Amino acid sequence: MVPVNDKPLIIDLIVKFQADVILIVQRYLGSLNHSLLSFELLKAKNLNLKGIILNGIEDEYSERAIQNFSNVTVLKRVKNMNICYKESISTEGNSLILV
């Protein structure tokens, strides 16, 4: 629910363009609520969640909980990316383009 400017939110643009979504999720206990609420909002708006990128220090509990409660595909695991560029997450010829 990130604002673009004074009026629309990113979710508004995703809905308008019916864009596929790749969600970047932090891996720590406090992020579970944020992640699960984001999944529910995407589902409520009938948006296509292609998968998630797990960001941060490995945390088996939170990763397992996110997967158990969301049934979402994990596309990539990265450590502490503050800024996400497509070059930062491409691997072995498989690149993800983040819009």
C-alpha atoms as a PDB file:
ATOM      1  CA  MET A   1       0.000   0.000   0.000  1.00  0.00           C
ATOM      2  CA  VAL A   2       2.826   2.365  -0.885  1.00  0.00           C
ATOM      3  CA  PRO A   3       1.769   5.813  -2.143  1.00  0.00           C
ATOM      4  CA  VAL A   4       2.913   6.865  -5.613  1.00  0.00           C
ATOM      5  CA  ASN A   5       2.220  10.512  -4.778  1.00  0.00           C
ATOM      6  CA  ASP A   6      -0.634  12.356  -3.024  1.00  0.00           C
ATOM      7  CA  LYS A   7      -3.426  10.197  -4.437  1.00  0.00           C
ATOM      8  CA  PRO A   8      -2.814   6.782  -5.991  1.00  0.00           C
ATOM      9  CA  LEU A   9      -1.151   3.859  -4.306  1.00  0.00           C
ATOM     10  CA  ILE A  10       0.999   1.260  -6.053  1.00  0.00           C
ATOM     11  CA  ILE A  11      -1.877  -1.213  -5.657  1.00  0.00           C
ATOM     12  CA  ASP A  12      -4.104   1.193  -7.657  1.00  0.00           C
ATOM     13  CA  LEU A  13      -1.658   1.096 -10.570  1.00  0.00           C
ATOM     14  CA  ILE A  14      -1.374  -2.689 -10.375  1.00  0.00           C
ATOM     15  CA  VAL A  15      -5.177  -2.951 -10.548  1.00  0.00           C
ATOM     16  CA  LYS A  16      -5.442  -0.406 -13.377  1.00  0.00           C
ATOM     17  CA  PHE A  17      -2.893  -2.223 -15.544  1.00  0.00           C
ATOM     18  CA  GLN A  18      -3.788  -5.732 -14.276  1.00  0.00           C
ATOM     19  CA  ALA A  19      -0.060  -6.250 -13.809  1.00  0.00           C
ATOM     20  CA  ASP A  20       1.429  -9.448 -12.456  1.00  0.00           C
ATOM     21  CA  VAL A  21       3.006  -9.013  -9.031  1.00  0.00           C
ATOM     22  CA  ILE A  22       6.295 -10.161  -7.533  1.00  0.00           C
ATOM     23  CA  LEU A  23       6.308  -9.288  -3.857  1.00  0.00           C
ATOM     24  CA  ILE A  24       9.541  -8.714  -1.935  1.00  0.00           C
ATOM     25  CA  VAL A  25       9.131  -9.999   1.602  1.00  0.00           C
ATOM     26  CA  GLN A  26      11.411  -9.522   4.602  1.00  0.00           C
ATOM     27  CA  ARG A  27      12.372 -12.652   6.544  1.00  0.00           C
ATOM     28  CA  TYR A  28      11.836 -11.860  10.208  1.00  0.00           C
ATOM     29  CA  LEU A  29       9.064 -12.611  12.648  1.00  0.00           C
ATOM     30  CA  GLY A  30       7.469  -9.141  12.569  1.00  0.00           C
ATOM     31  CA  SER A  31       7.113  -9.231   8.797  1.00  0.00           C
ATOM     32  CA  LEU A  32       4.691 -12.162   8.810  1.00  0.00           C
ATOM     33  CA  ASN A  33       1.683  -9.938   9.426  1.00  0.00           C
ATOM     34  CA  HIS A  34       2.699  -7.495   6.663  1.00  0.00           C
ATOM     35  CA  SER A  35       3.321 -10.318   4.211  1.00  0.00           C
ATOM     36  CA  LEU A  36       0.091 -12.186   4.911  1.00  0.00           C
ATOM     37  CA  LEU A  37      -1.956  -8.970   4.716  1.00  0.00           C
ATOM     38  CA  SER A  38      -0.337  -8.178   1.349  1.00  0.00           C
ATOM     39  CA  PHE A  39      -1.213 -11.668   0.044  1.00  0.00           C
ATOM     40  CA  GLU A  40      -4.824 -11.232   1.201  1.00  0.00           C
ATOM     41  CA  LEU A  41      -5.138  -7.822  -0.463  1.00  0.00           C
ATOM     42  CA  LEU A  42      -3.787  -9.154  -3.756  1.00  0.00           C
ATOM     43  CA  LYS A  43      -6.190 -12.090  -3.566  1.00  0.00           C
ATOM     44  CA  ALA A  44      -9.152  -9.824  -2.713  1.00  0.00           C
ATOM     45  CA  LYS A  45      -8.397  -7.696  -5.780  1.00  0.00           C
ATOM     46  CA  ASN A  46      -7.987 -10.812  -7.981  1.00  0.00           C
ATOM     47  CA  LEU A  47      -4.401  -9.921  -8.865  1.00  0.00           C
ATOM     48  CA  ASN A  48      -1.875 -12.463 -10.102  1.00  0.00           C
ATOM     49  CA  LEU A  49       0.930 -12.995  -7.593  1.00  0.00           C
ATOM     50  CA  LYS A  50       3.734 -14.619  -9.602  1.00  0.00           C
ATOM     51  CA  GLY A  51       5.775 -15.292  -6.482  1.00  0.00           C
ATOM     52  CA  ILE A  52       7.881 -13.760  -3.761  1.00  0.00           C
ATOM     53  CA  ILE A  53      11.486 -12.801  -3.240  1.00  0.00           C
ATOM     54  CA  LEU A  54      12.631 -13.396   0.321  1.00  0.00           C
ATOM     55  CA  ASN A  55      14.922 -10.607   1.491  1.00  0.00           C
ATOM     56  CA  GLY A  56      17.114 -10.576   4.588  1.00  0.00           C
ATOM     57  CA  ILE A  57      18.984 -12.903   6.867  1.00  0.00           C
ATOM     58  CA  GLU A  58      17.779 -16.484   6.651  1.00  0.00           C
ATOM     59  CA  ASP A  59      15.004 -17.233   9.124  1.00  0.00           C
ATOM     60  CA  GLU A  60      13.573 -20.735   8.739  1.00  0.00           C
ATOM     61  CA  TYR A  61      10.554 -20.101  10.960  1.00  0.00           C
ATOM     62  CA  SER A  62       9.305 -17.011   9.142  1.00  0.00           C
ATOM     63  CA  GLU A  63      10.014 -18.493   5.713  1.00  0.00           C
ATOM     64  CA  ARG A  64       8.147 -21.695   6.582  1.00  0.00           C
ATOM     65  CA  ALA A  65       5.224 -19.709   8.039  1.00  0.00           C
ATOM     66  CA  ILE A  66       4.990 -17.494   4.950  1.00  0.00           C
ATOM     67  CA  GLN A  67       4.944 -20.533   2.687  1.00  0.00           C
ATOM     68  CA  ASN A  68       2.490 -22.498   4.860  1.00  0.00           C
ATOM     69  CA  PHE A  69      -0.041 -19.686   5.139  1.00  0.00           C
ATOM     70  CA  SER A  70       0.264 -18.291   1.627  1.00  0.00           C
ATOM     71  CA  ASN A  71       1.126 -21.232  -0.640  1.00  0.00           C
ATOM     72  CA  VAL A  72       3.163 -18.775  -2.754  1.00  0.00           C
ATOM     73  CA  THR A  73       6.137 -19.708  -4.921  1.00  0.00           C
ATOM     74  CA  VAL A  74       9.510 -18.502  -3.640  1.00  0.00           C
ATOM     75  CA  LEU A  75      11.338 -17.181  -6.706  1.00  0.00           C
ATOM     76  CA  LYS A  76      14.565 -16.099  -5.030  1.00  0.00           C
ATOM     77  CA  ARG A  77      16.262 -15.708  -1.663  1.00  0.00           C
ATOM     78  CA  VAL A  78      18.556 -12.721  -1.180  1.00  0.00           C
ATOM     79  CA  LYS A  79      20.374 -11.281   1.814  1.00  0.00           C
ATOM     80  CA  ASN A  80      19.708  -7.717   2.956  1.00  0.00           C
ATOM     81  CA  MET A  81      18.918  -5.917  -0.287  1.00  0.00           C
ATOM     82  CA  ASN A  82      18.019  -2.337   0.537  1.00  0.00           C
ATOM     83  CA  ILE A  83      17.527  -1.420  -3.101  1.00  0.00           C
ATOM     84  CA  CYS A  84      16.325  -3.954  -5.625  1.00  0.00           C
ATOM     85  CA  TYR A  85      17.591  -3.835  -9.204  1.00  0.00           C
ATOM     86  CA  LYS A  86      16.916  -6.560 -11.727  1.00  0.00           C
ATOM     87  CA  GLU A  87      20.682  -7.132 -11.986  1.00  0.00           C
ATOM     88  CA  SER A  88      20.813  -7.810  -8.243  1.00  0.00           C
ATOM     89  CA  ILE A  89      18.469 -10.764  -8.479  1.00  0.00           C
ATOM     90  CA  SER A  90      19.300 -12.345 -11.820  1.00  0.00           C
ATOM     91  CA  THR A  91      20.968 -15.731 -11.592  1.00  0.00           C
ATOM     92  CA  GLU A  92      22.349 -18.201 -14.083  1.00  0.00           C
ATOM     93  CA  GLY A  93      20.457 -16.795 -17.021  1.00  0.00           C
ATOM     94  CA  ASN A  94      17.120 -16.502 -15.178  1.00  0.00           C
ATOM     95  CA  SER A  95      16.258 -12.856 -14.627  1.00  0.00           C
ATOM     96  CA  LEU A  96      13.263 -11.393 -12.933  1.00  0.00           C
ATOM     97  CA  ILE A  97      12.156  -7.980 -14.091  1.00  0.00           C
ATOM     98  CA  LEU A  98      10.755  -5.889 -11.296  1.00  0.00           C
ATOM     99  CA  VAL A  99       8.359  -3.148 -12.300  1.00  0.00           C
END
